[in-house]
Each structure stands twice: as C-alpha cells, then as structure tokens.
PDB file of N, CA and C in Angstrom:
ATOM      1  N   MET A   1       0.827  -1.181   0.000  1.00  0.00           N
ATOM      2  CA  MET A   1       0.000   0.000   0.000  1.00  0.00           C
ATOM      3  C   MET A   1       0.871   1.243   0.000  1.00  0.00           C
ATOM      4  N   GLY A   2       0.503   2.194  -0.777  1.00  0.00           N
ATOM      5  CA  GLY A   2       1.246   3.434  -0.824  1.00  0.00           C
ATOM      6  C   GLY A   2       0.502   4.547  -0.116  1.00  0.00           C
ATOM      7  N   TYR A   3       1.176   5.642   0.055  1.00  0.00           N
ATOM      8  CA  TYR A   3       0.555   6.778   0.751  1.00  0.00           C
ATOM      9  C   TYR A   3      -0.639   7.320  -0.002  1.00  0.00           C
ATOM     10  N   ASP A   4      -0.680   7.123  -1.329  1.00  0.00           N
ATOM     11  CA  ASP A   4      -1.800   7.637  -2.107  1.00  0.00           C
ATOM     12  C   ASP A   4      -3.119   7.006  -1.686  1.00  0.00           C
ATOM     13  N   GLU A   5      -3.046   5.846  -1.026  1.00  0.00           N
ATOM     14  CA  GLU A   5      -4.247   5.173  -0.580  1.00  0.00           C
ATOM     15  C   GLU A   5      -4.735   5.713   0.762  1.00  0.00           C
ATOM     16  N   HIS A   6      -3.969   6.602   1.373  1.00  0.00           N
ATOM     17  CA  HIS A   6      -4.314   7.117   2.694  1.00  0.00           C
ATOM     18  C   HIS A   6      -4.197   8.640   2.765  1.00  0.00           C
ATOM     19  N   PRO A   7      -4.765   9.353   1.776  1.00  0.00           N
ATOM     20  CA  PRO A   7      -4.585  10.813   1.780  1.00  0.00           C
ATOM     21  C   PRO A   7      -5.197  11.490   3.008  1.00  0.00           C
ATOM     22  N   GLY A   8      -6.310  10.989   3.488  1.00  0.00           N
ATOM     23  CA  GLY A   8      -6.935  11.577   4.663  1.00  0.00           C
ATOM     24  C   GLY A   8      -6.076  11.393   5.896  1.00  0.00           C
ATOM     25  N   PHE A   9      -5.497  10.212   6.053  1.00  0.00           N
ATOM     26  CA  PHE A   9      -4.629   9.956   7.197  1.00  0.00           C
ATOM     27  C   PHE A   9      -3.365  10.793   7.098  1.00  0.00           C
ATOM     28  N   LEU A  10      -2.838  10.950   5.914  1.00  0.00           N
ATOM     29  CA  LEU A  10      -1.643  11.775   5.725  1.00  0.00           C
ATOM     30  C   LEU A  10      -1.933  13.226   6.106  1.00  0.00           C
ATOM     31  N   ALA A  11      -3.047  13.760   5.642  1.00  0.00           N
ATOM     32  CA  ALA A  11      -3.411  15.141   5.962  1.00  0.00           C
ATOM     33  C   ALA A  11      -3.653  15.307   7.461  1.00  0.00           C
ATOM     34  N   LEU A  12      -4.350  14.363   8.056  1.00  0.00           N
ATOM     35  CA  LEU A  12      -4.618  14.390   9.483  1.00  0.00           C
ATOM     36  C   LEU A  12      -3.314  14.335  10.271  1.00  0.00           C
ATOM     37  N   SER A  13      -2.406  13.473   9.860  1.00  0.00           N
ATOM     38  CA  SER A  13      -1.115  13.327  10.539  1.00  0.00           C
ATOM     39  C   SER A  13      -0.291  14.603  10.437  1.00  0.00           C
ATOM     40  N   ALA A  14      -0.331  15.245   9.299  1.00  0.00           N
ATOM     41  CA  ALA A  14       0.398  16.503   9.130  1.00  0.00           C
ATOM     42  C   ALA A  14      -0.159  17.554  10.081  1.00  0.00           C
ATOM     43  N   ARG A  15      -1.466  17.620  10.204  1.00  0.00           N
ATOM     44  CA  ARG A  15      -2.085  18.590  11.108  1.00  0.00           C
ATOM     45  C   ARG A  15      -1.694  18.301  12.558  1.00  0.00           C
ATOM     46  N   LEU A  16      -1.679  17.024  12.947  1.00  0.00           N
ATOM     47  CA  LEU A  16      -1.377  16.666  14.329  1.00  0.00           C
ATOM     48  C   LEU A  16       0.096  16.865  14.687  1.00  0.00           C
ATOM     49  N   THR A  17       0.973  16.573  13.752  1.00  0.00           N
ATOM     50  CA  THR A  17       2.406  16.613  14.055  1.00  0.00           C
ATOM     51  C   THR A  17       3.059  17.950  13.752  1.00  0.00           C
ATOM     52  N   GLY A  18       2.401  18.755  12.924  1.00  0.00           N
ATOM     53  CA  GLY A  18       3.009  20.014  12.508  1.00  0.00           C
ATOM     54  C   GLY A  18       4.052  19.832  11.423  1.00  0.00           C
ATOM     55  N   ARG A  19       4.154  18.640  10.899  1.00  0.00           N
ATOM     56  CA  ARG A  19       5.079  18.352   9.802  1.00  0.00           C
ATOM     57  C   ARG A  19       4.327  18.442   8.483  1.00  0.00           C
ATOM     58  N   GLY A  20       5.056  18.671   7.421  1.00  0.00           N
ATOM     59  CA  GLY A  20       4.443  18.714   6.112  1.00  0.00           C
ATOM     60  C   GLY A  20       4.120  17.318   5.604  1.00  0.00           C
ATOM     61  N   GLU A  21       3.144  17.243   4.716  1.00  0.00           N
ATOM     62  CA  GLU A  21       2.786  15.951   4.139  1.00  0.00           C
ATOM     63  C   GLU A  21       3.964  15.324   3.412  1.00  0.00           C
ATOM     64  N   ASP A  22       4.740  16.131   2.704  1.00  0.00           N
ATOM     65  CA  ASP A  22       5.895  15.582   1.993  1.00  0.00           C
ATOM     66  C   ASP A  22       6.906  14.975   2.963  1.00  0.00           C
ATOM     67  N   GLU A  23       7.108  15.634   4.088  1.00  0.00           N
ATOM     68  CA  GLU A  23       8.045  15.114   5.091  1.00  0.00           C
ATOM     69  C   GLU A  23       7.561  13.777   5.651  1.00  0.00           C
ATOM     70  N   LEU A  24       6.269  13.705   5.964  1.00  0.00           N
ATOM     71  CA  LEU A  24       5.718  12.446   6.476  1.00  0.00           C
ATOM     72  C   LEU A  24       5.748  11.352   5.412  1.00  0.00           C
ATOM     73  N   ARG A  25       5.413  11.710   4.196  1.00  0.00           N
ATOM     74  CA  ARG A  25       5.431  10.756   3.094  1.00  0.00           C
ATOM     75  C   ARG A  25       6.828  10.179   2.914  1.00  0.00           C
ATOM     76  N   ALA A  26       7.847  11.022   3.062  1.00  0.00           N
ATOM     77  CA  ALA A  26       9.236  10.599   2.855  1.00  0.00           C
ATOM     78  C   ALA A  26       9.687   9.561   3.885  1.00  0.00           C
ATOM     79  N   THR A  27       8.993   9.462   5.017  1.00  0.00           N
ATOM     80  CA  THR A  27       9.373   8.468   6.017  1.00  0.00           C
ATOM     81  C   THR A  27       9.059   7.051   5.558  1.00  0.00           C
ATOM     82  N   GLY A  28       8.110   6.932   4.625  1.00  0.00           N
ATOM     83  CA  GLY A  28       7.691   5.603   4.175  1.00  0.00           C
ATOM     84  C   GLY A  28       6.791   4.898   5.181  1.00  0.00           C
ATOM     85  N   LEU A  29       6.296   5.615   6.179  1.00  0.00           N
ATOM     86  CA  LEU A  29       5.525   4.999   7.262  1.00  0.00           C
ATOM     87  C   LEU A  29       4.031   5.285   7.230  1.00  0.00           C
ATOM     88  N   VAL A  30       3.558   5.971   6.221  1.00  0.00           N
ATOM     89  CA  VAL A  30       2.141   6.366   6.202  1.00  0.00           C
ATOM     90  C   VAL A  30       1.228   5.137   6.268  1.00  0.00           C
ATOM     91  N   ALA A  31       1.434   4.177   5.407  1.00  0.00           N
ATOM     92  CA  ALA A  31       0.574   2.995   5.388  1.00  0.00           C
ATOM     93  C   ALA A  31       0.686   2.209   6.689  1.00  0.00           C
ATOM     94  N   ARG A  32       1.890   2.068   7.200  1.00  0.00           N
ATOM     95  CA  ARG A  32       2.096   1.320   8.442  1.00  0.00           C
ATOM     96  C   ARG A  32       1.407   2.024   9.620  1.00  0.00           C
ATOM     97  N   HIS A  33       1.575   3.340   9.721  1.00  0.00           N
ATOM     98  CA  HIS A  33       0.961   4.061  10.832  1.00  0.00           C
ATOM     99  C   HIS A  33      -0.560   4.107  10.691  1.00  0.00           C
ATOM    100  N   HIS A  34      -1.044   4.168   9.465  1.00  0.00           N
ATOM    101  CA  HIS A  34      -2.486   4.108   9.234  1.00  0.00           C
ATOM    102  C   HIS A  34      -3.030   2.764   9.714  1.00  0.00           C
ATOM    103  N   ALA A  35      -2.369   1.685   9.332  1.00  0.00           N
ATOM    104  CA  ALA A  35      -2.806   0.346   9.739  1.00  0.00           C
ATOM    105  C   ALA A  35      -2.736   0.189  11.256  1.00  0.00           C
ATOM    106  N   THR A  36      -1.690   0.687  11.874  1.00  0.00           N
ATOM    107  CA  THR A  36      -1.558   0.615  13.331  1.00  0.00           C
ATOM    108  C   THR A  36      -2.687   1.375  14.011  1.00  0.00           C
ATOM    109  N   THR A  37      -2.993   2.554  13.521  1.00  0.00           N
ATOM    110  CA  THR A  37      -4.057   3.367  14.108  1.00  0.00           C
ATOM    111  C   THR A  37      -5.397   2.646  14.013  1.00  0.00           C
ATOM    112  N   LEU A  38      -5.692   2.071  12.862  1.00  0.00           N
ATOM    113  CA  LEU A  38      -6.953   1.336  12.709  1.00  0.00           C
ATOM    114  C   LEU A  38      -6.987   0.103  13.607  1.00  0.00           C
ATOM    115  N   ALA A  39      -5.865  -0.602  13.714  1.00  0.00           N
ATOM    116  CA  ALA A  39      -5.813  -1.813  14.528  1.00  0.00           C
ATOM    117  C   ALA A  39      -5.965  -1.494  16.016  1.00  0.00           C
ATOM    118  N   ARG A  40      -5.349  -0.420  16.468  1.00  0.00           N
ATOM    119  CA  ARG A  40      -5.370  -0.077  17.892  1.00  0.00           C
ATOM    120  C   ARG A  40      -6.648   0.647  18.299  1.00  0.00           C
ATOM    121  N   ALA A  41      -7.131   1.543  17.465  1.00  0.00           N
ATOM    122  CA  ALA A  41      -8.282   2.365  17.834  1.00  0.00           C
ATOM    123  C   ALA A  41      -9.599   1.844  17.265  1.00  0.00           C
ATOM    124  N   GLY A  42      -9.555   1.186  16.115  1.00  0.00           N
ATOM    125  CA  GLY A  42     -10.765   0.712  15.456  1.00  0.00           C
ATOM    126  C   GLY A  42     -11.312   1.736  14.477  1.00  0.00           C
ATOM    127  N   ARG A  43     -11.929   1.239  13.427  1.00  0.00           N
ATOM    128  CA  ARG A  43     -12.461   2.116  12.382  1.00  0.00           C
ATOM    129  C   ARG A  43     -13.520   3.082  12.905  1.00  0.00           C
ATOM    130  N   ALA A  44     -14.376   2.610  13.787  1.00  0.00           N
ATOM    131  CA  ALA A  44     -15.447   3.470  14.296  1.00  0.00           C
ATOM    132  C   ALA A  44     -14.868   4.660  15.061  1.00  0.00           C
ATOM    133  N   ALA A  45     -13.880   4.407  15.917  1.00  0.00           N
ATOM    134  CA  ALA A  45     -13.267   5.489  16.697  1.00  0.00           C
ATOM    135  C   ALA A  45     -12.531   6.464  15.786  1.00  0.00           C
ATOM    136  N   VAL A  46     -11.858   5.936  14.775  1.00  0.00           N
ATOM    137  CA  VAL A  46     -11.147   6.809  13.835  1.00  0.00           C
ATOM    138  C   VAL A  46     -12.154   7.660  13.065  1.00  0.00           C
ATOM    139  N   GLY A  47     -13.266   7.061  12.668  1.00  0.00           N
ATOM    140  CA  GLY A  47     -14.313   7.819  11.973  1.00  0.00           C
ATOM    141  C   GLY A  47     -14.875   8.929  12.837  1.00  0.00           C
ATOM    142  N   ARG A  48     -15.135   8.634  14.114  1.00  0.00           N
ATOM    143  CA  ARG A  48     -15.632   9.670  15.034  1.00  0.00           C
ATOM    144  C   ARG A  48     -14.590  10.765  15.200  1.00  0.00           C
ATOM    145  N   PHE A  49     -13.323  10.372  15.281  1.00  0.00           N
ATOM    146  CA  PHE A  49     -12.243  11.339  15.421  1.00  0.00           C
ATOM    147  C   PHE A  49     -12.194  12.282  14.222  1.00  0.00           C
ATOM    148  N   VAL A  50     -12.290  11.733  13.028  1.00  0.00           N
ATOM    149  CA  VAL A  50     -12.270  12.561  11.813  1.00  0.00           C
ATOM    150  C   VAL A  50     -13.445  13.535  11.832  1.00  0.00           C
ATOM    151  N   ASP A  51     -14.614  13.049  12.209  1.00  0.00           N
ATOM    152  CA  ASP A  51     -15.791  13.925  12.299  1.00  0.00           C
ATOM    153  C   ASP A  51     -15.593  15.011  13.360  1.00  0.00           C
ATOM    154  N   ASP A  52     -15.053  14.619  14.517  1.00  0.00           N
ATOM    155  CA  ASP A  52     -14.815  15.591  15.593  1.00  0.00           C
ATOM    156  C   ASP A  52     -13.793  16.640  15.168  1.00  0.00           C
ATOM    157  N   LEU A  53     -12.760  16.205  14.465  1.00  0.00           N
ATOM    158  CA  LEU A  53     -11.740  17.147  14.011  1.00  0.00           C
ATOM    159  C   LEU A  53     -12.331  18.137  13.008  1.00  0.00           C
ATOM    160  N   ALA A  54     -13.176  17.646  12.128  1.00  0.00           N
ATOM    161  CA  ALA A  54     -13.840  18.542  11.173  1.00  0.00           C
ATOM    162  C   ALA A  54     -14.724  19.542  11.917  1.00  0.00           C
ATOM    163  N   ALA A  55     -15.449  19.070  12.932  1.00  0.00           N
ATOM    164  CA  ALA A  55     -16.314  19.956  13.713  1.00  0.00           C
ATOM    165  C   ALA A  55     -15.507  20.998  14.482  1.00  0.00           C
ATOM    166  N   ALA A  56     -14.243  20.671  14.777  1.00  0.00           N
ATOM    167  CA  ALA A  56     -13.361  21.600  15.494  1.00  0.00           C
ATOM    168  C   ALA A  56     -12.622  22.518  14.526  1.00  0.00           C
ATOM    169  N   GLY A  57     -13.063  22.524  13.288  1.00  0.00           N
ATOM    170  CA  GLY A  57     -12.422  23.386  12.294  1.00  0.00           C
ATOM    171  C   GLY A  57     -11.027  22.924  11.923  1.00  0.00           C
ATOM    172  N   GLY A  58     -10.749  21.640  12.142  1.00  0.00           N
ATOM    173  CA  GLY A  58      -9.432  21.095  11.811  1.00  0.00           C
ATOM    174  C   GLY A  58      -8.366  21.377  12.857  1.00  0.00           C
ATOM    175  N   ASP A  59      -8.776  21.983  13.964  1.00  0.00           N
ATOM    176  CA  ASP A  59      -7.836  22.347  15.023  1.00  0.00           C
ATOM    177  C   ASP A  59      -7.861  21.292  16.124  1.00  0.00           C
ATOM    178  N   PRO A  60      -6.808  20.458  16.231  1.00  0.00           N
ATOM    179  CA  PRO A  60      -6.805  19.420  17.266  1.00  0.00           C
ATOM    180  C   PRO A  60      -6.931  19.983  18.678  1.00  0.00           C
ATOM    181  N   GLY A  61      -6.482  21.204  18.882  1.00  0.00           N
ATOM    182  CA  GLY A  61      -6.587  21.827  20.191  1.00  0.00           C
ATOM    183  C   GLY A  61      -8.011  22.157  20.600  1.00  0.00           C
ATOM    184  N   ARG A  62      -8.922  22.110  19.648  1.00  0.00           N
ATOM    185  CA  ARG A  62     -10.327  22.414  19.930  1.00  0.00           C
ATOM    186  C   ARG A  62     -11.197  21.165  20.002  1.00  0.00           C
ATOM    187  N   LEU A  63     -10.595  19.989  19.992  1.00  0.00           N
ATOM    188  CA  LEU A  63     -11.372  18.758  20.090  1.00  0.00           C
ATOM    189  C   LEU A  63     -12.089  18.706  21.427  1.00  0.00           C
ATOM    190  N   ALA A  64     -13.385  18.446  21.388  1.00  0.00           N
ATOM    191  CA  ALA A  64     -14.184  18.431  22.610  1.00  0.00           C
ATOM    192  C   ALA A  64     -14.244  17.045  23.252  1.00  0.00           C
ATOM    193  N   ALA A  65     -14.358  16.000  22.452  1.00  0.00           N
ATOM    194  CA  ALA A  65     -14.534  14.650  22.986  1.00  0.00           C
ATOM    195  C   ALA A  65     -13.216  14.102  23.539  1.00  0.00           C
ATOM    196  N   PRO A  66     -13.233  13.623  24.781  1.00  0.00           N
ATOM    197  CA  PRO A  66     -12.016  13.075  25.373  1.00  0.00           C
ATOM    198  C   PRO A  66     -11.400  11.946  24.538  1.00  0.00           C
ATOM    199  N   GLU A  67     -12.251  11.111  23.943  1.00  0.00           N
ATOM    200  CA  GLU A  67     -11.746   9.999  23.140  1.00  0.00           C
ATOM    201  C   GLU A  67     -10.987  10.513  21.919  1.00  0.00           C
ATOM    202  N   SER A  68     -11.477  11.570  21.330  1.00  0.00           N
ATOM    203  CA  SER A  68     -10.804  12.137  20.159  1.00  0.00           C
ATOM    204  C   SER A  68      -9.511  12.828  20.552  1.00  0.00           C
ATOM    205  N   ARG A  69      -9.498  13.501  21.694  1.00  0.00           N
ATOM    206  CA  ARG A  69      -8.247  14.103  22.165  1.00  0.00           C
ATOM    207  C   ARG A  69      -7.202  13.027  22.420  1.00  0.00           C
ATOM    208  N   GLU A  70      -7.626  11.910  23.005  1.00  0.00           N
ATOM    209  CA  GLU A  70      -6.692  10.808  23.282  1.00  0.00           C
ATOM    210  C   GLU A  70      -6.175  10.191  21.983  1.00  0.00           C
ATOM    211  N   LEU A  71      -7.043  10.045  21.002  1.00  0.00           N
ATOM    212  CA  LEU A  71      -6.606   9.491  19.727  1.00  0.00           C
ATOM    213  C   LEU A  71      -5.640  10.444  19.030  1.00  0.00           C
ATOM    214  N   ALA A  72      -5.884  11.730  19.132  1.00  0.00           N
ATOM    215  CA  ALA A  72      -4.949  12.714  18.569  1.00  0.00           C
ATOM    216  C   ALA A  72      -3.574  12.569  19.218  1.00  0.00           C
ATOM    217  N   ARG A  73      -3.557  12.406  20.539  1.00  0.00           N
ATOM    218  CA  ARG A  73      -2.283  12.221  21.245  1.00  0.00           C
ATOM    219  C   ARG A  73      -1.609  10.929  20.818  1.00  0.00           C
ATOM    220  N   ALA A  74      -2.402   9.869  20.651  1.00  0.00           N
ATOM    221  CA  ALA A  74      -1.840   8.573  20.287  1.00  0.00           C
ATOM    222  C   ALA A  74      -1.209   8.601  18.895  1.00  0.00           C
ATOM    223  N   VAL A  75      -1.894   9.193  17.937  1.00  0.00           N
ATOM    224  CA  VAL A  75      -1.357   9.267  16.574  1.00  0.00           C
ATOM    225  C   VAL A  75      -0.096  10.135  16.553  1.00  0.00           C
ATOM    226  N   THR A  76      -0.111  11.227  17.284  1.00  0.00           N
ATOM    227  CA  THR A  76       1.067  12.083  17.359  1.00  0.00           C
ATOM    228  C   THR A  76       2.232  11.316  17.981  1.00  0.00           C
ATOM    229  N   HIS A  77       1.969  10.588  19.047  1.00  0.00           N
ATOM    230  CA  HIS A  77       2.994   9.771  19.706  1.00  0.00           C
ATOM    231  C   HIS A  77       3.558   8.728  18.736  1.00  0.00           C
ATOM    232  N   LEU A  78       2.671   8.103  17.991  1.00  0.00           N
ATOM    233  CA  LEU A  78       3.102   7.101  17.010  1.00  0.00           C
ATOM    234  C   LEU A  78       4.073   7.700  16.008  1.00  0.00           C
ATOM    235  N   TRP A  79       3.757   8.877  15.495  1.00  0.00           N
ATOM    236  CA  TRP A  79       4.648   9.512  14.528  1.00  0.00           C
ATOM    237  C   TRP A  79       5.974   9.922  15.162  1.00  0.00           C
ATOM    238  N   ARG A  80       5.937  10.347  16.391  1.00  0.00           N
ATOM    239  CA  ARG A  80       7.167  10.833  17.035  1.00  0.00           C
ATOM    240  C   ARG A  80       8.076   9.714  17.510  1.00  0.00           C
ATOM    241  N   THR A  81       7.480   8.593  17.937  1.00  0.00           N
ATOM    242  CA  THR A  81       8.292   7.535  18.536  1.00  0.00           C
ATOM    243  C   THR A  81       8.309   6.232  17.748  1.00  0.00           C
ATOM    244  N   GLY A  82       7.354   6.077  16.845  1.00  0.00           N
ATOM    245  CA  GLY A  82       7.250   4.819  16.109  1.00  0.00           C
ATOM    246  C   GLY A  82       6.508   3.742  16.871  1.00  0.00           C
ATOM    247  N   ARG A  83       5.946   4.106  18.016  1.00  0.00           N
ATOM    248  CA  ARG A  83       5.208   3.147  18.847  1.00  0.00           C
ATOM    249  C   ARG A  83       3.869   3.722  19.266  1.00  0.00           C
ATOM    250  N   TRP A  84       2.900   2.839  19.384  1.00  0.00           N
ATOM    251  CA  TRP A  84       1.611   3.232  19.920  1.00  0.00           C
ATOM    252  C   TRP A  84       1.789   3.427  21.423  1.00  0.00           C
ATOM    253  N   PRO A  85       1.140   4.412  22.019  1.00  0.00           N
ATOM    254  CA  PRO A  85       1.297   4.639  23.451  1.00  0.00           C
ATOM    255  C   PRO A  85       1.019   3.359  24.257  1.00  0.00           C
ATOM    256  N   GLY A  86       1.884   3.098  25.206  1.00  0.00           N
ATOM    257  CA  GLY A  86       1.725   1.930  26.062  1.00  0.00           C
ATOM    258  C   GLY A  86       2.419   0.688  25.553  1.00  0.00           C
ATOM    259  N   GLU A  87       2.920   0.737  24.317  1.00  0.00           N
ATOM    260  CA  GLU A  87       3.658  -0.411  23.798  1.00  0.00           C
ATOM    261  C   GLU A  87       5.107  -0.294  24.232  1.00  0.00           C
ATOM    262  N   GLY A  88       5.647  -1.373  24.703  1.00  0.00           N
ATOM    263  CA  GLY A  88       7.029  -1.362  25.199  1.00  0.00           C
ATOM    264  C   GLY A  88       7.998  -1.451  24.140  1.00  0.00           C
TER     265      GLY A  88
END
C-alpha cells in the first residue's frame, strides 16, 4: 500500500504533528501508521475522530470529545516515537 491510498490519514497526521505531508510521506511509514491506528483504535473510533476534528475546524486543540483528544495524542505519539502509546 502506498501513501496515495491514505490521503486523509496523511493530511490528518500533518495537522497533528506540525510536519508537512511531503516530510511524512518521505518516512515511508504512512501505510504502516495508518494500519496501526486502525488496529489499535478501530475504524469506528477513527471515523468519530475525523468527524470531531472537522467539527473543530481542523484544530486538534479544539477537540471536545475526550476519546478524540486521546486518539490525537496517540497518533502524534506514534509519529514521534514509532510506537503506539503503552507499547514497550
């Protein structure tokens, strides 16, 4: 799978990390991190998160739902460390 199959996740990740899409794409980890996020959080939670982020005007700092704030932190952590929070 290539990054072209995950444009929404790439855009979301860029917003959360403050990195450019090209920079994230260059890591070669978009598909892997997308799969990890779906496996750990579930499609339903990711869908709610995307909806919540849109309702917040795309600003992660304005997320109202605790679950969405936690998912934002988890995805950011994944990009920064290469691990899902709590994984040793």
